[in-house]
C-alpha atoms as a PDB file:
ATOM      1  CA  MET A   1      53.155 -24.042   8.491  1.00  0.00           C
ATOM      2  CA  ASN A   2      56.044 -21.858   8.659  1.00  0.00           C
ATOM      3  CA  GLN A   3      56.542 -22.248  12.948  1.00  0.00           C
ATOM      4  CA  GLU A   4      58.181 -18.158  12.972  1.00  0.00           C
ATOM      5  CA  LYS A   5      55.559 -16.536  11.183  1.00  0.00           C
ATOM      6  CA  TRP A   6      53.056 -18.837  13.380  1.00  0.00           C
ATOM      7  CA  GLU A   7      55.229 -17.112  16.153  1.00  0.00           C
ATOM      8  CA  LYS A   8      54.777 -13.931  15.172  1.00  0.00           C
ATOM      9  CA  ALA A   9      51.191 -14.311  14.256  1.00  0.00           C
ATOM     10  CA  VAL A  10      50.834 -15.447  18.019  1.00  0.00           C
ATOM     11  CA  ALA A  11      52.925 -12.364  19.229  1.00  0.00           C
ATOM     12  CA  PHE A  12      50.929  -9.842  16.797  1.00  0.00           C
ATOM     13  CA  HIS A  13      47.539 -10.980  18.278  1.00  0.00           C
ATOM     14  CA  GLY A  14      48.820 -11.217  21.356  1.00  0.00           C
ATOM     15  CA  HIS A  15      47.840 -14.848  22.133  1.00  0.00           C
ATOM     16  CA  SER A  16      47.727 -18.085  20.583  1.00  0.00           C
ATOM     17  CA  CYS A  17      44.284 -20.109  20.176  1.00  0.00           C
ATOM     18  CA  PRO A  18      42.448 -21.379  18.016  1.00  0.00           C
ATOM     19  CA  GLY A  19      40.584 -18.297  15.763  1.00  0.00           C
ATOM     20  CA  LEU A  20      44.406 -17.297  15.194  1.00  0.00           C
ATOM     21  CA  ALA A  21      44.587 -20.835  13.799  1.00  0.00           C
ATOM     22  CA  ILE A  22      42.364 -20.135  11.127  1.00  0.00           C
ATOM     23  CA  GLY A  23      43.094 -16.965   9.962  1.00  0.00           C
ATOM     24  CA  PHE A  24      46.427 -18.176   9.574  1.00  0.00           C
ATOM     25  CA  ARG A  25      46.134 -21.135   7.233  1.00  0.00           C
ATOM     26  CA  ALA A  26      42.970 -19.841   5.491  1.00  0.00           C
ATOM     27  CA  VAL A  27      45.904 -17.670   4.392  1.00  0.00           C
ATOM     28  CA  GLU A  28      47.266 -20.826   3.550  1.00  0.00           C
ATOM     29  CA  ALA A  29      45.342 -22.028   1.224  1.00  0.00           C
ATOM     30  CA  ALA A  30      44.330 -19.412  -0.474  1.00  0.00           C
ATOM     31  CA  GLU A  31      47.478 -19.182  -1.086  1.00  0.00           C
ATOM     32  CA  LYS A  32      48.189 -22.802  -2.302  1.00  0.00           C
ATOM     33  CA  ALA A  33      44.485 -22.019  -4.171  1.00  0.00           C
ATOM     34  CA  LEU A  34      45.788 -19.178  -5.966  1.00  0.00           C
ATOM     35  CA  GLY A  35      49.301 -19.978  -6.405  1.00  0.00           C
ATOM     36  CA  VAL A  36      51.270 -16.861  -5.343  1.00  0.00           C
ATOM     37  CA  SER A  37      52.189 -15.306  -2.076  1.00  0.00           C
ATOM     38  CA  LEU A  38      49.261 -12.656  -0.940  1.00  0.00           C
ATOM     39  CA  PHE A  39      52.006 -10.069   0.958  1.00  0.00           C
ATOM     40  CA  GLN A  40      52.396  -7.927  -2.446  1.00  0.00           C
ATOM     41  CA  GLY A  41      54.213  -5.372  -0.794  1.00  0.00           C
ATOM     42  CA  THR A  42      51.987  -2.790  -2.730  1.00  0.00           C
ATOM     43  CA  ASP A  43      48.575  -0.799  -0.952  1.00  0.00           C
ATOM     44  CA  GLU A  44      45.579  -2.312  -2.579  1.00  0.00           C
ATOM     45  CA  GLU A  45      46.537  -4.933  -4.609  1.00  0.00           C
ATOM     46  CA  VAL A  46      45.659  -7.711  -2.361  1.00  0.00           C
ATOM     47  CA  VAL A  47      41.953  -7.430  -0.796  1.00  0.00           C
ATOM     48  CA  CYS A  48      41.062  -9.269   1.891  1.00  0.00           C
ATOM     49  CA  VAL A  49      36.537  -9.500   2.666  1.00  0.00           C
ATOM     50  CA  ALA A  50      36.200 -11.561   6.188  1.00  0.00           C
ATOM     51  CA  GLU A  51      32.846 -13.138   7.162  1.00  0.00           C
ATOM     52  CA  ASN A  52      33.992 -12.696  11.246  1.00  0.00           C
ATOM     53  CA  GLU A  53      35.231 -10.438  13.559  1.00  0.00           C
ATOM     54  CA  ALA A  54      37.225 -13.233  15.344  1.00  0.00           C
ATOM     55  CA  CYS A  55      40.516 -13.816  16.140  1.00  0.00           C
ATOM     56  CA  GLY A  56      41.871 -15.541  12.884  1.00  0.00           C
ATOM     57  CA  ILE A  57      41.358 -11.388  11.096  1.00  0.00           C
ATOM     58  CA  ASP A  58      44.449 -10.786  12.371  1.00  0.00           C
ATOM     59  CA  ALA A  59      46.466 -13.673  11.441  1.00  0.00           C
ATOM     60  CA  ILE A  60      44.631 -12.297   8.013  1.00  0.00           C
ATOM     61  CA  MET A  61      46.607  -8.871   8.254  1.00  0.00           C
ATOM     62  CA  TYR A  62      49.758  -9.675   9.683  1.00  0.00           C
ATOM     63  CA  LEU A  63      50.234 -12.321   6.887  1.00  0.00           C
ATOM     64  CA  THR A  64      48.973 -10.448   3.693  1.00  0.00           C
ATOM     65  CA  ASP A  65      49.718  -6.893   5.447  1.00  0.00           C
ATOM     66  CA  CYS A  66      45.489  -5.905   4.410  1.00  0.00           C
ATOM     67  CA  THR A  67      44.333  -3.435   7.320  1.00  0.00           C
ATOM     68  CA  PRO A  68      40.824  -1.526   7.267  1.00  0.00           C
ATOM     69  CA  GLY A  69      43.065   1.415   7.295  1.00  0.00           C
ATOM     70  CA  LYS A  70      44.400   0.763   3.703  1.00  0.00           C
ATOM     71  CA  GLY A  71      41.274  -0.158   2.583  1.00  0.00           C
ATOM     72  CA  ASN A  72      42.112  -3.368   1.786  1.00  0.00           C
ATOM     73  CA  PHE A  73      39.913  -5.332   4.337  1.00  0.00           C
ATOM     74  CA  LEU A  74      36.744  -5.310   4.327  1.00  0.00           C
ATOM     75  CA  PHE A  75      34.261  -7.212   6.034  1.00  0.00           C
ATOM     76  CA  ARG A  76      30.869  -8.610   5.061  1.00  0.00           C
ATOM     77  CA  LEU A  77      29.827  -9.903   8.322  1.00  0.00           C
ATOM     78  CA  ARG A  78      27.918 -13.703   8.079  1.00  0.00           C
ATOM     79  CA  GLY A  79      29.392 -15.469  11.111  1.00  0.00           C
ATOM     80  CA  LYS A  80      30.778 -17.266   9.062  1.00  0.00           C
ATOM     81  CA  GLN A  81      34.777 -18.059   8.580  1.00  0.00           C
ATOM     82  CA  ALA A  82      34.840 -17.973   5.267  1.00  0.00           C
ATOM     83  CA  PHE A  83      37.566 -15.294   3.729  1.00  0.00           C
ATOM     84  CA  SER A  84      38.176 -14.038   0.120  1.00  0.00           C
ATOM     85  CA  PHE A  85      41.290 -12.877  -2.033  1.00  0.00           C
ATOM     86  CA  PHE A  86      41.216 -10.221  -4.209  1.00  0.00           C
ATOM     87  CA  ILE A  87      44.215  -9.646  -6.279  1.00  0.00           C
ATOM     88  CA  ARG A  88      43.478  -6.963  -8.614  1.00  0.00           C
ATOM     89  CA  ASP A  89      45.177  -9.213 -11.137  1.00  0.00           C
ATOM     90  CA  GLY A  90      41.985 -10.804 -11.627  1.00  0.00           C
ATOM     91  CA  LYS A  91      42.633 -13.801  -9.135  1.00  0.00           C
ATOM     92  CA  SER A  92      40.422 -14.076  -6.719  1.00  0.00           C
ATOM     93  CA  VAL A  93      39.832 -16.744  -3.962  1.00  0.00           C
ATOM     94  CA  ARG A  94      36.696 -17.585  -1.260  1.00  0.00           C
ATOM     95  CA  VAL A  95      37.876 -20.346   1.152  1.00  0.00           C
ATOM     96  CA  VAL A  96      35.009 -21.618   4.121  1.00  0.00           C
ATOM     97  CA  LEU A  97      36.500 -23.908   7.191  1.00  0.00           C
ATOM     98  CA  LYS A  98      34.771 -26.641   7.557  1.00  0.00           C
ATOM     99  CA  PRO A  99      32.885 -28.272   9.895  1.00  0.00           C
ATOM    100  CA  LYS A 100      35.076 -29.547  13.112  1.00  0.00           C
ATOM    101  CA  SER A 101      35.285 -33.354  12.745  1.00  0.00           C
ATOM    102  CA  GLY A 102      34.360 -34.345  15.732  1.00  0.00           C
ATOM    103  CA  GLU A 103      33.929 -33.268  20.205  1.00  0.00           C
ATOM    104  CA  MET A 104      37.605 -31.861  21.135  1.00  0.00           C
ATOM    105  CA  THR A 105      39.116 -28.820  23.462  1.00  0.00           C
ATOM    106  CA  ARG A 106      40.377 -26.568  22.202  1.00  0.00           C
ATOM    107  CA  GLU A 107      44.023 -27.074  22.589  1.00  0.00           C
ATOM    108  CA  GLU A 108      42.696 -30.521  20.812  1.00  0.00           C
ATOM    109  CA  TRP A 109      41.362 -28.576  18.154  1.00  0.00           C
ATOM    110  CA  GLN A 110      43.741 -26.246  17.778  1.00  0.00           C
ATOM    111  CA  GLU A 111      46.021 -28.633  17.428  1.00  0.00           C
ATOM    112  CA  GLU A 112      43.905 -29.513  14.618  1.00  0.00           C
ATOM    113  CA  LEU A 113      43.876 -26.718  12.791  1.00  0.00           C
ATOM    114  CA  LEU A 114      47.644 -26.147  13.524  1.00  0.00           C
ATOM    115  CA  THR A 115      48.665 -30.458  11.878  1.00  0.00           C
ATOM    116  CA  LYS A 116      46.057 -30.800   9.354  1.00  0.00           C
ATOM    117  CA  PRO A 117      46.761 -30.010   4.948  1.00  0.00           C
ATOM    118  CA  VAL A 118      44.487 -27.296   4.508  1.00  0.00           C
ATOM    119  CA  GLY A 119      42.753 -29.257   1.771  1.00  0.00           C
ATOM    120  CA  GLU A 120      41.434 -30.962   5.025  1.00  0.00           C
ATOM    121  CA  LEU A 121      40.725 -27.407   6.761  1.00  0.00           C
ATOM    122  CA  PHE A 122      39.344 -25.320   4.346  1.00  0.00           C
ATOM    123  CA  GLU A 123      36.757 -26.282   0.968  1.00  0.00           C
ATOM    124  CA  VAL A 124      37.966 -23.674  -1.696  1.00  0.00           C
ATOM    125  CA  LYS A 125      34.891 -21.420  -3.448  1.00  0.00           C
ATOM    126  CA  LYS A 126      34.944 -18.412  -5.431  1.00  0.00           C
ATOM    127  CA  PRO A 127      33.743 -15.175  -4.123  1.00  0.00           C
ATOM    128  CA  HIS A 128      29.878 -14.843  -4.772  1.00  0.00           C
ATOM    129  CA  TYR A 129      30.871 -10.882  -5.443  1.00  0.00           C
ATOM    130  CA  GLU A 130      33.456  -8.789  -7.650  1.00  0.00           C
ATOM    131  CA  VAL A 131      36.680  -7.242  -6.143  1.00  0.00           C
ATOM    132  CA  PRO A 132      35.830  -4.775  -4.394  1.00  0.00           C
ATOM    133  CA  GLU A 133      36.295  -0.672  -6.171  1.00  0.00           C
ATOM    134  CA  ARG A 134      38.988   0.746  -3.909  1.00  0.00           C
ATOM    135  CA  ALA A 135      39.657   2.923  -0.900  1.00  0.00           C
ATOM    136  CA  ARG A 136      38.134   6.394  -2.849  1.00  0.00           C
ATOM    137  CA  ILE A 137      38.324   9.526  -0.100  1.00  0.00           C
ATOM    138  CA  PHE A 138      34.898  11.247   1.067  1.00  0.00           C
ATOM    139  CA  GLU A 139      35.209  14.884   1.805  1.00  0.00           C
ATOM    140  CA  ASN A 140      33.511  15.839   5.271  1.00  0.00           C
ATOM    141  CA  GLN A 141      30.507  18.719   6.463  1.00  0.00           C
ATOM    142  CA  LEU A 142      30.077  19.055   9.895  1.00  0.00           C
ATOM    143  CA  CYS A 143      26.057  17.578  11.453  1.00  0.00           C
ATOM    144  CA  ALA A 144      23.803  19.929  12.727  1.00  0.00           C
ATOM    145  CA  THR A 145      23.406  18.610  16.402  1.00  0.00           C
ATOM    146  CA  CYS A 146      26.526  17.545  17.334  1.00  0.00           C
ATOM    147  CA  GLY A 147      28.837  18.947  15.642  1.00  0.00           C
ATOM    148  CA  GLU A 148      31.374  16.507  14.793  1.00  0.00           C
ATOM    149  CA  SER A 149      32.630  15.783  10.707  1.00  0.00           C
ATOM    150  CA  THR A 150      31.664  13.518   9.126  1.00  0.00           C
ATOM    151  CA  MET A 151      32.558  12.146   5.566  1.00  0.00           C
ATOM    152  CA  GLU A 152      30.234  13.634   3.479  1.00  0.00           C
ATOM    153  CA  LEU A 153      29.005   8.884   3.073  1.00  0.00           C
ATOM    154  CA  MET A 154      27.842   8.976   6.290  1.00  0.00           C
ATOM    155  CA  LEU A 155      25.296  11.970   6.328  1.00  0.00           C
ATOM    156  CA  ARG A 156      22.175  12.073   5.584  1.00  0.00           C
ATOM    157  CA  ILE A 157      19.889  15.661   5.184  1.00  0.00           C
ATOM    158  CA  GLU A 158      17.394  15.439   8.099  1.00  0.00           C
ATOM    159  CA  GLU A 159      14.499  18.217   8.225  1.00  0.00           C
ATOM    160  CA  GLY A 160      16.396  20.816   5.498  1.00  0.00           C
ATOM    161  CA  LYS A 161      19.674  19.793   8.738  1.00  0.00           C
ATOM    162  CA  THR A 162      23.217  17.420   7.259  1.00  0.00           C
ATOM    163  CA  LEU A 163      23.443  14.738  10.743  1.00  0.00           C
ATOM    164  CA  CYS A 164      25.340  11.968  10.963  1.00  0.00           C
ATOM    165  CA  LEU A 165      24.064   8.442  11.400  1.00  0.00           C
ATOM    166  CA  ASP A 166      24.541   8.979  15.477  1.00  0.00           C
ATOM    167  CA  CYS A 167      21.978  12.061  14.960  1.00  0.00           C
ATOM    168  CA  VAL A 168      19.471  11.237  12.411  1.00  0.00           C
ATOM    169  CA  LYS A 169      16.162   9.506  14.381  1.00  0.00           C
ATOM    170  CA  SER A 170      15.883   5.755  12.952  1.00  0.00           C
ATOM    171  CA  TYR A 171      13.432   5.531  10.839  1.00  0.00           C
ATOM    172  CA  ASP A 172      12.437   1.748   9.978  1.00  0.00           C
ATOM    173  CA  ARG A 173       8.391   2.007  10.462  1.00  0.00           C
ATOM    174  CA  GLY A 174       9.114  -1.259  12.309  1.00  0.00           C
ATOM    175  CA  PHE A 175      10.931  -3.528   9.925  1.00  0.00           C
END
């Protein structure tokens, strides 16, 4: 493990914790499986899809330069410590954290995460889906109710009016 990168990831995140260690080591596991660095330095050549919104995503953003704002860090929320990494040249991998080896304190868990070989920490699999398409830019329109500018993808037509998701009436019929 690269101690200097770990310390910089901790500084980026704001504190040291097991969750940050999971993301940090997930990147190492993915790089080992793919045989390349995930820090490519170009927009959207590397894509990460995280299955949670926990601390580990900060380590992944720091180490890979994937960010939600650039559209190459996406969330597919499943409540799992699982991360799929795609390189647009066709390589991909999904790394999934294995269960803890037993009861341990938070400090002991973090130490295990930072010292065990990544092969003992993560299962390496093929992602369930293809690389997500590149981010698209959508036009905006004003919501007829609140007047806020909203991207077209997130608008609905209700009673002939264009409404944002906050203003449209829910229609779920109990499902």
